[in-house]
Every structure is written in C-alpha cells, then in structure tokens.
C-alpha cells in the first residue's frame, strides 16, 4: 500500500513539474513575442510602415497622447506614419512585460529623432503598452505615451 502511494505521489509530482515547465516556457515565448512587437513598432514608426501597424494593432487599439488626446487605431496609424509625427529614427530599450493569460502589459523607453508640426520632438519617451493575444498572435491594444 505504501509503495502504491509513493508511485502515485511520484507520478503527481512529475506531472506538476512538467506542467510548470511548459508554463514557464510559454511565458518566456510570450515575452519574446512582445519584445519583437515593441522593437517592430520602433521600426514601423521610422519607416512609416502603415501595413505593420495595421497588422499588429487590435481593431480597438487606443493611444493616449501626452496632450491627453485619445486616438483610435486609424488615427494612431495616421499619427505614427507621418500624419502627425515625422519620426526619422526610433529604437526601443528597457523593455519589460508581464503576461497574464491572453493579456499582457509593460513598458519600454522609445528614443526617437523627429518632429511634430515642425517642432523637434527628439528624445526618450516612456511608452506603457497593453497587448491582447489573438488567434494570430499578440497585438498592441493600448499605447500610453508619457512625456520625456
């Protein structure tokens, strides 16, 4: 009877270890995916890549500008593809993300060179980002732009 209990306990612990390991790999993969998106957004801004933004923002994506203005997906794409901001160079650093099932959040520092309405906006901005996991992968659902 004791041997049966030990085997059952051993099998249960092994199962828990396997599940925990799979979850750990899944979170690490998700964080890699989010890092790729954060870097992709930096590149998309400087290349004014509307197609990348269209593919990587959720339909209900919202951007909160430092002025307090709220932009929907279409307005966000317009703003970052040259309609408002003329970003000539952009990079993301200090990226940090937390994953919770099919939602994630985090932040990154975006260093940009560019202008808005002829005024220089070059500098480093903290962007808080939210993501949703869709059938096709992670997508940006919210962008909060904090000033320099």
Protein backbone atom coordinates (compact mmCIF):
# COMPACT_ATOMS: atom_id res chain seq x y z
CA UNK A 1 0.00 0.00 0.00
CA UNK A 2 2.85 2.39 0.84
CA UNK A 3 4.54 1.58 -2.49
CA UNK A 4 1.34 2.44 -4.37
CA UNK A 5 1.12 5.75 -2.50
CA UNK A 6 4.75 6.59 -3.34
CA UNK A 7 4.22 5.78 -7.02
CA UNK A 8 1.07 7.93 -7.12
CA UNK A 9 2.81 10.78 -5.33
CA UNK A 10 5.85 10.49 -7.61
CA UNK A 11 3.68 10.49 -10.74
CA UNK A 12 1.72 13.50 -9.45
CA UNK A 13 4.88 15.48 -8.68
CA UNK A 14 6.35 14.60 -12.07
CA UNK A 15 3.14 15.78 -13.77
CA UNK A 16 3.20 19.06 -11.85
CA UNK A 17 6.83 19.58 -12.80
CA UNK A 18 6.05 19.01 -16.50
CA UNK A 19 3.09 21.43 -16.41
CA UNK A 20 5.13 24.07 -14.55
CA UNK A 21 7.98 23.73 -17.05
CA UNK A 22 5.62 24.08 -20.01
CA UNK A 23 4.06 27.20 -18.46
CA UNK A 24 7.50 28.68 -17.85
CA UNK A 25 8.49 28.16 -21.50
CA UNK A 26 5.16 29.59 -22.65
CA UNK A 27 5.62 32.81 -20.65
CA UNK A 28 9.20 33.15 -21.91
CA UNK A 29 7.99 32.69 -25.50
CA UNK A 30 5.24 35.26 -24.95
CA UNK A 31 7.74 37.77 -23.57
CA UNK A 32 9.97 37.22 -26.61
CA UNK A 33 6.99 37.84 -28.88
CA UNK A 34 6.15 41.06 -27.02
CA UNK A 35 9.75 42.23 -27.31
CA UNK A 36 9.63 41.62 -31.06
CA UNK A 37 6.44 43.70 -31.29
CA UNK A 38 7.94 46.54 -29.22
CA UNK A 39 11.01 46.61 -31.47
CA UNK A 40 8.81 46.29 -34.55
CA UNK A 41 6.81 49.33 -33.51
CA UNK A 42 10.03 51.37 -33.23
CA UNK A 43 11.00 50.33 -36.75
CA UNK A 44 7.49 50.89 -38.11
CA UNK A 45 7.46 54.47 -36.79
CA UNK A 46 10.73 55.39 -38.50
CA UNK A 47 9.75 53.64 -41.75
CA UNK A 48 6.17 54.97 -41.59
CA UNK A 49 5.03 51.38 -42.10
CA UNK A 50 1.22 51.51 -42.09
CA UNK A 51 0.94 47.81 -43.02
CA UNK A 52 2.94 46.74 -39.95
CA UNK A 53 0.78 48.89 -37.68
CA UNK A 54 -2.44 47.65 -39.27
CA UNK A 55 -1.34 44.03 -38.73
CA UNK A 56 -0.04 44.49 -35.17
CA UNK A 57 -2.67 46.75 -33.55
CA UNK A 58 -6.02 45.37 -32.40
CA UNK A 59 -9.12 46.83 -34.05
CA UNK A 60 -9.97 48.62 -30.79
CA UNK A 61 -6.40 49.85 -30.17
CA UNK A 62 -6.30 53.19 -28.36
CA UNK A 63 -3.42 55.60 -27.99
CA UNK A 64 -3.28 58.23 -25.27
CA UNK A 65 -1.08 61.15 -26.34
CA UNK A 66 0.81 63.31 -23.81
CA UNK A 67 -1.73 66.08 -24.51
CA UNK A 68 -4.49 63.80 -23.20
CA UNK A 69 -5.92 63.25 -26.66
CA UNK A 70 -7.28 59.76 -27.30
CA UNK A 71 -6.65 58.21 -30.72
CA UNK A 72 -8.36 55.17 -32.22
CA UNK A 73 -6.50 52.64 -34.39
CA UNK A 74 -6.93 54.59 -37.63
CA UNK A 75 -5.82 57.87 -36.04
CA UNK A 76 -2.87 56.14 -34.33
CA UNK A 77 -1.66 54.71 -37.63
CA UNK A 78 -2.07 58.11 -39.28
CA UNK A 79 -0.17 59.86 -36.47
CA UNK A 80 2.79 57.47 -36.44
CA UNK A 81 3.06 57.06 -40.21
CA UNK A 82 3.84 60.71 -40.82
CA UNK A 83 0.46 62.38 -40.42
CA UNK A 84 1.34 63.98 -37.09
CA UNK A 85 4.79 62.75 -36.07
CA UNK A 86 7.68 62.69 -38.53
CA UNK A 87 9.90 60.13 -36.81
CA UNK A 88 13.14 59.61 -38.72
CA UNK A 89 14.83 57.29 -36.22
CA UNK A 90 13.44 55.20 -33.37
CA UNK A 91 14.60 52.45 -31.05
CA UNK A 92 13.16 50.69 -28.01
CA UNK A 93 15.09 49.85 -24.84
CA UNK A 94 14.44 48.89 -21.22
CA UNK A 95 11.55 46.66 -22.27
CA UNK A 96 9.61 44.94 -19.52
CA UNK A 97 6.44 42.87 -19.86
CA UNK A 98 4.07 40.92 -17.62
CA UNK A 99 1.90 38.21 -19.17
CA UNK A 100 -1.44 37.14 -17.68
CA UNK A 101 -3.13 34.53 -19.86
CA UNK A 102 -4.36 36.31 -23.02
CA UNK A 103 -3.45 39.83 -21.90
CA UNK A 104 -0.12 41.47 -21.20
CA UNK A 105 1.22 44.82 -20.22
CA UNK A 106 4.53 46.52 -19.91
CA UNK A 107 6.64 49.43 -20.92
CA UNK A 108 9.62 50.44 -22.99
CA UNK A 109 11.71 53.53 -23.47
CA UNK A 110 11.50 54.79 -27.05
CA UNK A 111 14.30 57.06 -28.18
CA UNK A 112 13.22 58.99 -31.25
CA UNK A 113 14.53 61.60 -33.61
CA UNK A 114 11.90 63.62 -35.39
CA UNK A 115 9.42 66.43 -35.36
CA UNK A 116 5.77 67.28 -34.92
CA UNK A 117 4.38 70.29 -36.79
CA UNK A 118 7.94 71.47 -37.46
CA UNK A 119 8.90 71.30 -33.76
CA UNK A 120 11.71 68.98 -32.68
CA UNK A 121 10.41 66.12 -30.51
CA UNK A 122 13.67 64.17 -30.36
CA UNK A 123 14.25 62.48 -27.03
CA UNK A 124 13.30 59.45 -24.98
CA UNK A 125 9.69 58.69 -24.15
CA UNK A 126 8.30 56.02 -21.82
CA UNK A 127 5.50 54.11 -23.53
CA UNK A 128 3.19 51.93 -21.49
CA UNK A 129 1.77 49.20 -23.68
CA UNK A 130 -1.06 46.71 -23.35
CA UNK A 131 -1.43 43.65 -25.53
CA UNK A 132 -4.10 41.09 -26.33
CA UNK A 133 -3.41 37.58 -27.57
CA UNK A 134 -5.48 36.90 -30.66
CA UNK A 135 -5.82 33.87 -32.93
CA UNK A 136 -2.92 35.23 -34.97
CA UNK A 137 -0.70 36.14 -32.01
CA UNK A 138 -0.06 39.11 -29.76
CA UNK A 139 -1.28 42.56 -30.83
CA UNK A 140 -0.99 46.03 -29.30
CA UNK A 141 -4.29 47.09 -27.73
CA UNK A 142 -3.25 50.28 -25.95
CA UNK A 143 -0.40 52.79 -26.07
CA UNK A 144 0.11 55.41 -23.37
CA UNK A 145 2.78 57.95 -24.31
CA UNK A 146 4.43 59.57 -21.32
CA UNK A 147 6.50 62.69 -21.89
CA UNK A 148 10.26 62.95 -21.72
